[in-house]
């Protein structure tokens, strides 16, 4: 991999892409609900977690919300930890897990985002696209949080 910053930034990209897809799905679900003549709760309704207070996450480490399938998973997780200390809360609040997987032992990776409520893949990004979107996503993720003197 080219650099620590490129890998770390690529994680930010996956989070932003997945969040956008989830928001679109939620908007579609909301539109469908308003189109129904009778509104009644069903088992197919999606429950969305309320916003997460950074002081009360209940998540101690990124390994609780991210599964890495790579030759050097600990090294990759350490890089992620250094770039976005609040990645845990983003992933936790969105009910997501990221999986880093190598494509056919080629040294190229893609990232899968899994929705843990519905137990299905939400997004898959090839490594190249993952890196191209990194800078925009880093600004987006930074905008999600306001540091309060930490």
C-alpha atoms as a PDB file:
ATOM      1  CA  UNK A   1       0.000   0.000   0.000  1.00  0.00           C
ATOM      2  CA  UNK A   2       1.279   3.415  -0.877  1.00  0.00           C
ATOM      3  CA  UNK A   3       1.177   5.189   2.471  1.00  0.00           C
ATOM      4  CA  UNK A   4      -0.352   5.247   5.898  1.00  0.00           C
ATOM      5  CA  UNK A   5      -2.308   8.394   5.057  1.00  0.00           C
ATOM      6  CA  UNK A   6      -3.768   6.879   1.895  1.00  0.00           C
ATOM      7  CA  UNK A   7      -5.052   3.848   3.795  1.00  0.00           C
ATOM      8  CA  UNK A   8      -6.387   5.896   6.656  1.00  0.00           C
ATOM      9  CA  UNK A   9      -8.122   8.334   4.345  1.00  0.00           C
ATOM     10  CA  UNK A  10      -9.660   5.480   2.414  1.00  0.00           C
ATOM     11  CA  UNK A  11     -11.483   4.317   5.536  1.00  0.00           C
ATOM     12  CA  UNK A  12     -13.083   7.747   5.778  1.00  0.00           C
ATOM     13  CA  UNK A  13     -14.321   7.339   2.210  1.00  0.00           C
ATOM     14  CA  UNK A  14     -16.062   4.068   2.960  1.00  0.00           C
ATOM     15  CA  UNK A  15     -17.888   5.569   5.922  1.00  0.00           C
ATOM     16  CA  UNK A  16     -19.187   8.535   3.916  1.00  0.00           C
ATOM     17  CA  UNK A  17     -20.264   6.387   0.985  1.00  0.00           C
ATOM     18  CA  UNK A  18     -22.142   3.988   3.222  1.00  0.00           C
ATOM     19  CA  UNK A  19     -23.805   6.773   5.173  1.00  0.00           C
ATOM     20  CA  UNK A  20     -25.047   8.352   1.941  1.00  0.00           C
ATOM     21  CA  UNK A  21     -26.492   5.045   0.744  1.00  0.00           C
ATOM     22  CA  UNK A  22     -28.217   4.453   4.075  1.00  0.00           C
ATOM     23  CA  UNK A  23     -29.737   7.929   4.089  1.00  0.00           C
ATOM     24  CA  UNK A  24     -31.096   7.377   0.574  1.00  0.00           C
ATOM     25  CA  UNK A  25     -32.573   4.024   1.605  1.00  0.00           C
ATOM     26  CA  UNK A  26     -34.160   5.616   4.678  1.00  0.00           C
ATOM     27  CA  UNK A  27     -35.651   8.399   2.543  1.00  0.00           C
ATOM     28  CA  UNK A  28     -37.120   5.817   0.161  1.00  0.00           C
ATOM     29  CA  UNK A  29     -38.555   3.853   3.089  1.00  0.00           C
ATOM     30  CA  UNK A  30     -40.081   7.030   4.541  1.00  0.00           C
ATOM     31  CA  UNK A  31     -41.658   7.893   1.190  1.00  0.00           C
ATOM     32  CA  UNK A  32     -43.153   4.411   0.898  1.00  0.00           C
ATOM     33  CA  UNK A  33     -44.600   4.655   4.406  1.00  0.00           C
ATOM     34  CA  UNK A  34     -46.342   7.964   3.637  1.00  0.00           C
ATOM     35  CA  UNK A  35     -47.794   6.487   0.438  1.00  0.00           C
ATOM     36  CA  UNK A  36     -49.592   3.735   2.365  1.00  0.00           C
ATOM     37  CA  UNK A  37     -53.251   4.385   3.152  1.00  0.00           C
ATOM     38  CA  UNK A  38     -52.969   2.964   6.674  1.00  0.00           C
ATOM     39  CA  UNK A  39     -49.835   3.419   8.695  1.00  0.00           C
ATOM     40  CA  UNK A  40     -49.090   0.542  11.021  1.00  0.00           C
ATOM     41  CA  UNK A  41     -45.775  -0.775  12.347  1.00  0.00           C
ATOM     42  CA  UNK A  42     -44.493  -3.925  10.683  1.00  0.00           C
ATOM     43  CA  UNK A  43     -41.536  -6.165  11.269  1.00  0.00           C
ATOM     44  CA  UNK A  44     -39.961  -4.790   8.085  1.00  0.00           C
ATOM     45  CA  UNK A  45     -39.730  -1.270   9.530  1.00  0.00           C
ATOM     46  CA  UNK A  46     -36.110  -0.251   9.987  1.00  0.00           C
ATOM     47  CA  UNK A  47     -35.079   0.899  13.442  1.00  0.00           C
ATOM     48  CA  UNK A  48     -32.456   3.631  13.431  1.00  0.00           C
ATOM     49  CA  UNK A  49     -30.323   4.191  16.495  1.00  0.00           C
ATOM     50  CA  UNK A  50     -30.489   7.614  18.107  1.00  0.00           C
ATOM     51  CA  UNK A  51     -27.387   9.761  17.964  1.00  0.00           C
ATOM     52  CA  UNK A  52     -24.531   8.398  20.016  1.00  0.00           C
ATOM     53  CA  UNK A  53     -22.963  10.384  22.844  1.00  0.00           C
ATOM     54  CA  UNK A  54     -19.194  10.087  22.428  1.00  0.00           C
ATOM     55  CA  UNK A  55     -18.766   9.695  26.196  1.00  0.00           C
ATOM     56  CA  UNK A  56     -21.191   6.755  26.419  1.00  0.00           C
ATOM     57  CA  UNK A  57     -20.524   4.666  23.325  1.00  0.00           C
ATOM     58  CA  UNK A  58     -20.164   1.303  24.981  1.00  0.00           C
ATOM     59  CA  UNK A  59     -17.458   0.559  22.407  1.00  0.00           C
ATOM     60  CA  UNK A  60     -13.927   0.275  23.719  1.00  0.00           C
ATOM     61  CA  UNK A  61     -11.960  -0.332  20.538  1.00  0.00           C
ATOM     62  CA  UNK A  62     -12.370  -0.261  16.772  1.00  0.00           C
ATOM     63  CA  UNK A  63     -12.031  -4.053  16.667  1.00  0.00           C
ATOM     64  CA  UNK A  64     -15.517  -4.239  18.168  1.00  0.00           C
ATOM     65  CA  UNK A  65     -17.047  -2.656  15.059  1.00  0.00           C
ATOM     66  CA  UNK A  66     -14.546  -3.441  12.277  1.00  0.00           C
ATOM     67  CA  UNK A  67     -13.464  -6.858  11.073  1.00  0.00           C
ATOM     68  CA  UNK A  68     -10.278  -6.937   9.003  1.00  0.00           C
ATOM     69  CA  UNK A  69      -9.417  -9.832   6.732  1.00  0.00           C
ATOM     70  CA  UNK A  70      -5.912  -8.929   5.540  1.00  0.00           C
ATOM     71  CA  UNK A  71      -2.347 -10.287   5.730  1.00  0.00           C
ATOM     72  CA  UNK A  72      -1.442  -7.708   8.409  1.00  0.00           C
ATOM     73  CA  UNK A  73      -4.769  -6.880  10.089  1.00  0.00           C
ATOM     74  CA  UNK A  74      -3.237  -5.450  13.264  1.00  0.00           C
ATOM     75  CA  UNK A  75      -1.066  -3.030  11.288  1.00  0.00           C
ATOM     76  CA  UNK A  76      -4.080  -1.908   9.245  1.00  0.00           C
ATOM     77  CA  UNK A  77      -6.192  -1.384  12.368  1.00  0.00           C
ATOM     78  CA  UNK A  78      -3.408   0.635  13.994  1.00  0.00           C
ATOM     79  CA  UNK A  79      -3.373   2.924  10.956  1.00  0.00           C
ATOM     80  CA  UNK A  80      -7.136   3.376  11.152  1.00  0.00           C
ATOM     81  CA  UNK A  81      -6.919   4.176  14.879  1.00  0.00           C
ATOM     82  CA  UNK A  82      -4.389   6.941  14.232  1.00  0.00           C
ATOM     83  CA  UNK A  83      -6.427   8.795  11.608  1.00  0.00           C
ATOM     84  CA  UNK A  84      -9.978   8.871  12.923  1.00  0.00           C
ATOM     85  CA  UNK A  85     -10.260   8.309  16.651  1.00  0.00           C
ATOM     86  CA  UNK A  86     -14.025   8.694  16.410  1.00  0.00           C
ATOM     87  CA  UNK A  87     -14.529   6.094  13.682  1.00  0.00           C
ATOM     88  CA  UNK A  88     -15.871   3.754  16.362  1.00  0.00           C
ATOM     89  CA  UNK A  89     -18.822   5.990  17.141  1.00  0.00           C
ATOM     90  CA  UNK A  90     -19.636   6.569  13.465  1.00  0.00           C
ATOM     91  CA  UNK A  91     -19.711   2.875  12.680  1.00  0.00           C
ATOM     92  CA  UNK A  92     -21.531   1.976  15.888  1.00  0.00           C
ATOM     93  CA  UNK A  93     -24.261   4.564  15.402  1.00  0.00           C
ATOM     94  CA  UNK A  94     -24.885   3.395  11.842  1.00  0.00           C
ATOM     95  CA  UNK A  95     -25.048  -0.335  12.728  1.00  0.00           C
ATOM     96  CA  UNK A  96     -22.182  -1.046  10.325  1.00  0.00           C
ATOM     97  CA  UNK A  97     -19.080  -3.184  10.153  1.00  0.00           C
ATOM     98  CA  UNK A  98     -16.309  -2.702   7.608  1.00  0.00           C
ATOM     99  CA  UNK A  99     -14.456  -5.650   6.124  1.00  0.00           C
ATOM    100  CA  UNK A 100     -11.162  -5.170   4.300  1.00  0.00           C
ATOM    101  CA  UNK A 101     -10.612  -8.049   1.893  1.00  0.00           C
ATOM    102  CA  UNK A 102      -7.880  -8.888  -0.584  1.00  0.00           C
ATOM    103  CA  UNK A 103      -8.948  -9.718  -4.136  1.00  0.00           C
ATOM    104  CA  UNK A 104      -7.631 -13.151  -5.174  1.00  0.00           C
ATOM    105  CA  UNK A 105      -4.227 -12.781  -3.452  1.00  0.00           C
ATOM    106  CA  UNK A 106      -3.420  -9.888  -5.797  1.00  0.00           C
ATOM    107  CA  UNK A 107      -2.425  -7.342  -3.160  1.00  0.00           C
ATOM    108  CA  UNK A 108      -5.423  -5.196  -4.137  1.00  0.00           C
ATOM    109  CA  UNK A 109      -8.127  -4.634  -1.559  1.00  0.00           C
ATOM    110  CA  UNK A 110     -11.754  -3.720  -1.526  1.00  0.00           C
ATOM    111  CA  UNK A 111     -13.877  -2.634   1.396  1.00  0.00           C
ATOM    112  CA  UNK A 112     -17.282  -4.077   2.183  1.00  0.00           C
ATOM    113  CA  UNK A 113     -19.667  -2.302   4.518  1.00  0.00           C
ATOM    114  CA  UNK A 114     -22.126  -4.671   6.187  1.00  0.00           C
ATOM    115  CA  UNK A 115     -25.443  -3.587   7.727  1.00  0.00           C
ATOM    116  CA  UNK A 116     -25.543  -5.482  11.019  1.00  0.00           C
ATOM    117  CA  UNK A 117     -29.312  -5.086  11.493  1.00  0.00           C
ATOM    118  CA  UNK A 118     -30.308  -6.552   8.136  1.00  0.00           C
ATOM    119  CA  UNK A 119     -27.187  -8.763   7.884  1.00  0.00           C
ATOM    120  CA  UNK A 120     -26.431  -7.753   4.298  1.00  0.00           C
ATOM    121  CA  UNK A 121     -23.814  -5.912   2.281  1.00  0.00           C
ATOM    122  CA  UNK A 122     -24.546  -2.207   1.923  1.00  0.00           C
ATOM    123  CA  UNK A 123     -21.570  -1.121  -0.138  1.00  0.00           C
ATOM    124  CA  UNK A 124     -18.399  -2.458  -1.736  1.00  0.00           C
ATOM    125  CA  UNK A 125     -15.644  -0.146  -2.948  1.00  0.00           C
ATOM    126  CA  UNK A 126     -12.590  -1.167  -4.986  1.00  0.00           C
ATOM    127  CA  UNK A 127      -9.309  -0.018  -3.509  1.00  0.00           C
ATOM    128  CA  UNK A 128      -8.680   2.566  -6.286  1.00  0.00           C
ATOM    129  CA  UNK A 129     -12.023   4.333  -5.837  1.00  0.00           C
ATOM    130  CA  UNK A 130     -11.601   4.047  -2.115  1.00  0.00           C
ATOM    131  CA  UNK A 131      -8.383   6.118  -2.309  1.00  0.00           C
ATOM    132  CA  UNK A 132      -9.686   8.660  -4.858  1.00  0.00           C
ATOM    133  CA  UNK A 133     -12.560   9.719  -2.594  1.00  0.00           C
ATOM    134  CA  UNK A 134     -10.473   9.880   0.571  1.00  0.00           C
ATOM    135  CA  UNK A 135      -9.883  13.627   0.835  1.00  0.00           C
ATOM    136  CA  UNK A 136     -13.516  14.659   0.375  1.00  0.00           C
ATOM    137  CA  UNK A 137     -14.626  12.059   2.880  1.00  0.00           C
ATOM    138  CA  UNK A 138     -12.071  13.140   5.453  1.00  0.00           C
ATOM    139  CA  UNK A 139     -13.618  16.625   5.459  1.00  0.00           C
ATOM    140  CA  UNK A 140     -17.111  15.131   5.640  1.00  0.00           C
ATOM    141  CA  UNK A 141     -16.246  12.910   8.615  1.00  0.00           C
ATOM    142  CA  UNK A 142     -14.516  15.795  10.380  1.00  0.00           C
ATOM    143  CA  UNK A 143     -17.679  17.843   9.948  1.00  0.00           C
ATOM    144  CA  UNK A 144     -19.744  15.189  11.724  1.00  0.00           C
ATOM    145  CA  UNK A 145     -18.010  15.900  14.990  1.00  0.00           C
ATOM    146  CA  UNK A 146     -17.187  18.995  16.957  1.00  0.00           C
ATOM    147  CA  UNK A 147     -14.281  18.551  19.329  1.00  0.00           C
ATOM    148  CA  UNK A 148     -15.142  19.961  22.707  1.00  0.00           C
ATOM    149  CA  UNK A 149     -11.707  20.733  24.097  1.00  0.00           C
ATOM    150  CA  UNK A 150     -10.382  17.178  23.750  1.00  0.00           C
END
